[in-house]
Amino acid sequence: MKRATGALKARVAALEEVASANKRFARILDVRSKLNYTTETALVVARDPANWNSSLMINKGKADGLAPGMAVINSTGVVGKVAEVAKNVSKVILINDSGFSVAVVNQRSRESSLLSGSLSGDCRLYYLPQDADIRVGDEMVTSTLSTVFPEGLRIGVVSEVFPGEPGAPPRAVVEPAVEPSKIEEVLVIN
């Protein structure tokens, strides 16, 4: 009886995983259908244990038309960009990696700035004007100034604003829309 119960629990767990994956793929396909760009759907296949929330490996590469610098998103927002490409896999640096940056715009105030990851693993806004109108809770999206990402993709929400020193611009921290540890499927924009 215990063996049968254990087998049934294992089967239920496996079916719940399939149902969860189907829901995630449905969200990715919904995003894909709304984009006016060619995309490649990919699965996360590995992470660097030393930099778990800084980069990941996906199961698509040169053979699928991927190249360094391509934008990577999921159903929640910007994930990162392709950094290295092999025949069948690619390394993606995530939005919070210090090697990542993208032109962004504040949806409320229309202030443009540059968002970059940092060594501490958060995202920061740079090149804000001294009189920048930026507040906690402001939604940041990709800007038309971006050379890699289409405009209007969700980046995240301003979580902290620090007034600048006299004569210096304010500083701001952005909490990414995408939770790095929860990324399982992505879209690469060609």
Protein backbone atom coordinates (compact mmCIF):
# COMPACT_ATOMS: atom_id res chain seq x y z
CA MET A 1 0.00 0.00 0.00
CA LYS A 2 2.82 2.46 0.89
CA ARG A 3 4.59 1.64 -2.39
CA ALA A 4 1.42 2.34 -4.38
CA THR A 5 0.83 5.62 -2.52
CA GLY A 6 4.43 6.69 -3.17
CA ALA A 7 4.11 5.86 -6.87
CA LEU A 8 0.88 7.86 -7.13
CA LYS A 9 2.44 10.86 -5.38
CA ALA A 10 5.37 10.75 -7.78
CA ARG A 11 3.02 10.59 -10.76
CA VAL A 12 0.95 13.52 -9.45
CA ALA A 13 4.13 15.57 -8.94
CA ALA A 14 5.27 14.80 -12.50
CA LEU A 15 1.87 15.77 -13.92
CA GLU A 16 1.90 19.02 -11.94
CA GLU A 17 5.31 19.84 -13.46
CA VAL A 18 3.93 19.22 -16.96
CA ALA A 19 0.92 21.45 -16.25
CA SER A 20 3.21 24.20 -14.92
CA ALA A 21 5.46 24.00 -17.98
CA ASN A 22 2.42 24.18 -20.27
CA LYS A 23 1.24 27.38 -18.53
CA ARG A 24 4.69 28.97 -18.86
CA PHE A 25 4.91 28.02 -22.56
CA ALA A 26 1.44 29.44 -23.17
CA ARG A 27 2.57 32.78 -21.69
CA ILE A 28 5.76 32.76 -23.81
CA LEU A 29 3.78 31.95 -26.96
CA ASP A 30 1.30 34.73 -26.15
CA VAL A 31 4.16 37.25 -25.90
CA ARG A 32 5.71 35.86 -29.09
CA SER A 33 2.45 36.30 -31.02
CA LYS A 34 2.28 39.98 -30.02
CA LEU A 35 5.81 40.87 -31.13
CA ASN A 36 6.55 42.20 -34.59
CA TYR A 37 9.95 40.51 -34.52
CA THR A 38 11.32 37.11 -35.35
CA THR A 39 12.06 35.21 -32.16
CA GLU A 40 13.57 31.90 -31.13
CA THR A 41 12.10 30.09 -28.11
CA ALA A 42 14.75 28.53 -25.87
CA LEU A 43 15.00 26.60 -22.62
CA VAL A 44 17.42 27.31 -19.80
CA VAL A 45 19.71 24.28 -19.61
CA ALA A 46 22.42 25.38 -17.16
CA ARG A 47 23.58 28.04 -14.74
CA ASP A 48 27.00 29.01 -13.52
CA PRO A 49 27.18 27.97 -9.84
CA ALA A 50 29.59 30.84 -9.13
CA ASN A 51 27.24 33.43 -10.70
CA TRP A 52 23.81 31.80 -10.37
CA ASN A 53 21.83 35.03 -10.86
CA SER A 54 24.20 36.65 -13.34
CA SER A 55 24.16 34.37 -16.39
CA LEU A 56 22.59 31.23 -17.78
CA MET A 57 22.88 28.84 -20.72
CA ILE A 58 20.10 28.23 -23.22
CA ASN A 59 19.60 25.34 -25.64
CA LYS A 60 19.89 27.38 -28.85
CA GLY A 61 23.01 28.63 -30.62
CA LYS A 62 24.64 29.42 -33.97
CA ALA A 63 22.76 26.56 -35.64
CA ASP A 64 19.52 28.37 -34.71
CA GLY A 65 20.71 31.76 -35.99
CA LEU A 66 21.68 33.24 -32.62
CA ALA A 67 24.52 35.76 -32.33
CA PRO A 68 26.11 37.74 -29.51
CA GLY A 69 24.20 40.87 -28.55
CA MET A 70 20.71 39.56 -29.30
CA ALA A 71 17.95 40.59 -26.89
CA VAL A 72 16.50 37.96 -24.54
CA ILE A 73 13.06 38.34 -22.93
CA ASN A 74 10.35 36.25 -21.31
CA SER A 75 6.67 36.79 -20.56
CA THR A 76 7.53 39.13 -17.66
CA GLY A 77 10.06 41.42 -19.34
CA VAL A 78 13.71 41.82 -20.28
CA VAL A 79 15.91 38.89 -19.21
CA GLY A 80 19.28 39.96 -20.66
CA LYS A 81 21.25 39.53 -23.86
CA VAL A 82 23.20 36.81 -25.62
CA ALA A 83 26.88 37.08 -24.66
CA GLU A 84 28.48 33.98 -26.22
CA VAL A 85 27.29 31.52 -28.84
CA ALA A 86 28.33 27.95 -29.61
CA LYS A 87 26.76 25.61 -32.18
CA ASN A 88 23.79 24.49 -30.04
CA VAL A 89 23.97 26.56 -26.84
CA SER A 90 24.37 30.20 -25.85
CA LYS A 91 25.36 32.08 -22.74
CA VAL A 92 22.98 34.85 -21.70
CA ILE A 93 24.07 37.60 -19.33
CA LEU A 94 21.16 38.68 -17.18
CA ILE A 95 19.79 42.16 -16.65
CA ASN A 96 21.44 42.46 -13.24
CA ASP A 97 24.94 41.50 -14.48
CA SER A 98 27.53 44.29 -14.43
CA GLY A 99 28.19 43.66 -18.15
CA PHE A 100 24.57 44.43 -19.10
CA SER A 101 23.18 47.84 -20.04
CA VAL A 102 20.19 49.15 -21.97
CA ALA A 103 18.63 52.54 -22.78
CA VAL A 104 15.41 52.96 -20.78
CA VAL A 105 12.62 55.48 -20.31
CA ASN A 106 10.45 56.24 -17.28
CA GLN A 107 6.86 55.60 -18.37
CA ARG A 108 5.48 58.34 -16.11
CA SER A 109 7.94 61.21 -16.54
CA ARG A 110 9.49 60.18 -19.90
CA GLU A 111 13.01 60.69 -18.48
CA SER A 112 15.59 58.72 -20.48
CA SER A 113 18.57 57.07 -18.83
CA LEU A 114 20.84 54.06 -19.04
CA LEU A 115 20.13 51.00 -16.91
CA SER A 116 23.06 48.77 -15.99
CA GLY A 117 23.54 45.76 -13.80
CA SER A 118 26.01 46.03 -10.95
CA LEU A 119 28.52 43.92 -9.04
CA SER A 120 26.05 43.83 -6.14
CA GLY A 121 23.44 42.21 -8.42
CA ASP A 122 20.94 45.06 -8.63
CA CYS A 123 20.12 47.40 -11.50
CA ARG A 124 20.96 51.10 -11.45
CA LEU A 125 20.05 54.11 -13.54
CA TYR A 126 22.83 56.28 -14.94
CA TYR A 127 22.93 59.58 -16.83
CA LEU A 128 19.87 61.01 -15.11
CA PRO A 129 19.61 64.81 -15.38
CA GLN A 130 20.18 66.81 -12.17
CA ASP A 131 16.49 67.71 -12.01
CA ALA A 132 15.25 64.22 -12.94
CA ASP A 133 11.61 63.52 -12.08
CA ILE A 134 11.99 59.99 -10.78
CA ARG A 135 10.07 58.33 -7.95
CA VAL A 136 9.88 54.99 -6.19
CA GLY A 137 7.30 52.91 -8.05
CA ASP A 138 8.00 54.37 -11.51
CA GLU A 139 7.89 51.73 -14.25
CA MET A 140 10.92 51.59 -16.55
CA VAL A 141 10.72 50.23 -20.12
CA THR A 142 13.16 49.93 -23.01
CA SER A 143 13.69 53.15 -24.95
CA THR A 144 13.69 53.90 -28.66
CA LEU A 145 17.37 54.76 -28.10
CA SER A 146 18.20 51.08 -27.48
CA THR A 147 20.18 49.50 -30.29
CA VAL A 148 19.37 45.93 -29.19
CA PHE A 149 15.92 45.90 -27.59
CA PRO A 150 12.63 46.98 -29.17
CA GLU A 151 11.01 49.90 -27.36
CA GLY A 152 8.42 49.42 -24.65
CA LEU A 153 9.61 46.13 -23.14
CA ARG A 154 9.20 45.94 -19.37
CA ILE A 155 12.43 46.44 -17.42
CA GLY A 156 11.30 46.89 -13.83
CA VAL A 157 10.21 49.31 -11.12
CA VAL A 158 12.25 52.00 -9.35
CA SER A 159 12.77 50.71 -5.80
CA GLU A 160 15.06 53.39 -4.36
CA VAL A 161 15.95 56.99 -5.23
CA PHE A 162 18.92 58.78 -3.69
CA PRO A 163 19.16 62.55 -4.11
CA GLY A 164 22.36 63.64 -5.74
CA GLU A 165 25.07 65.61 -4.03
CA PRO A 166 24.97 69.35 -4.80
CA GLY A 167 25.52 69.70 -8.53
CA ALA A 168 25.17 65.94 -9.14
CA PRO A 169 22.22 63.96 -10.51
CA PRO A 170 20.11 61.66 -8.35
CA ARG A 171 20.83 57.94 -8.29
CA ALA A 172 18.19 55.23 -8.55
CA VAL A 173 17.90 51.47 -8.13
CA VAL A 174 15.49 49.43 -10.27
CA GLU A 175 14.06 46.07 -9.25
CA PRO A 176 13.92 43.97 -12.43
CA ALA A 177 10.53 42.69 -13.60
CA VAL A 178 12.15 39.30 -14.19
CA GLU A 179 13.22 37.25 -11.18
CA PRO A 180 16.58 35.76 -12.28
CA SER A 181 16.21 32.56 -10.26
CA LYS A 182 12.83 31.77 -11.87
CA ILE A 183 13.80 31.93 -15.54
CA GLU A 184 13.12 28.64 -17.32
CA GLU A 185 12.08 29.61 -20.87
CA VAL A 186 13.04 32.66 -22.92
CA LEU A 187 12.53 34.31 -26.29
CA VAL A 188 15.57 35.51 -28.21
CA ILE A 189 14.76 38.40 -30.55
CA ASN A 190 16.56 37.99 -33.89
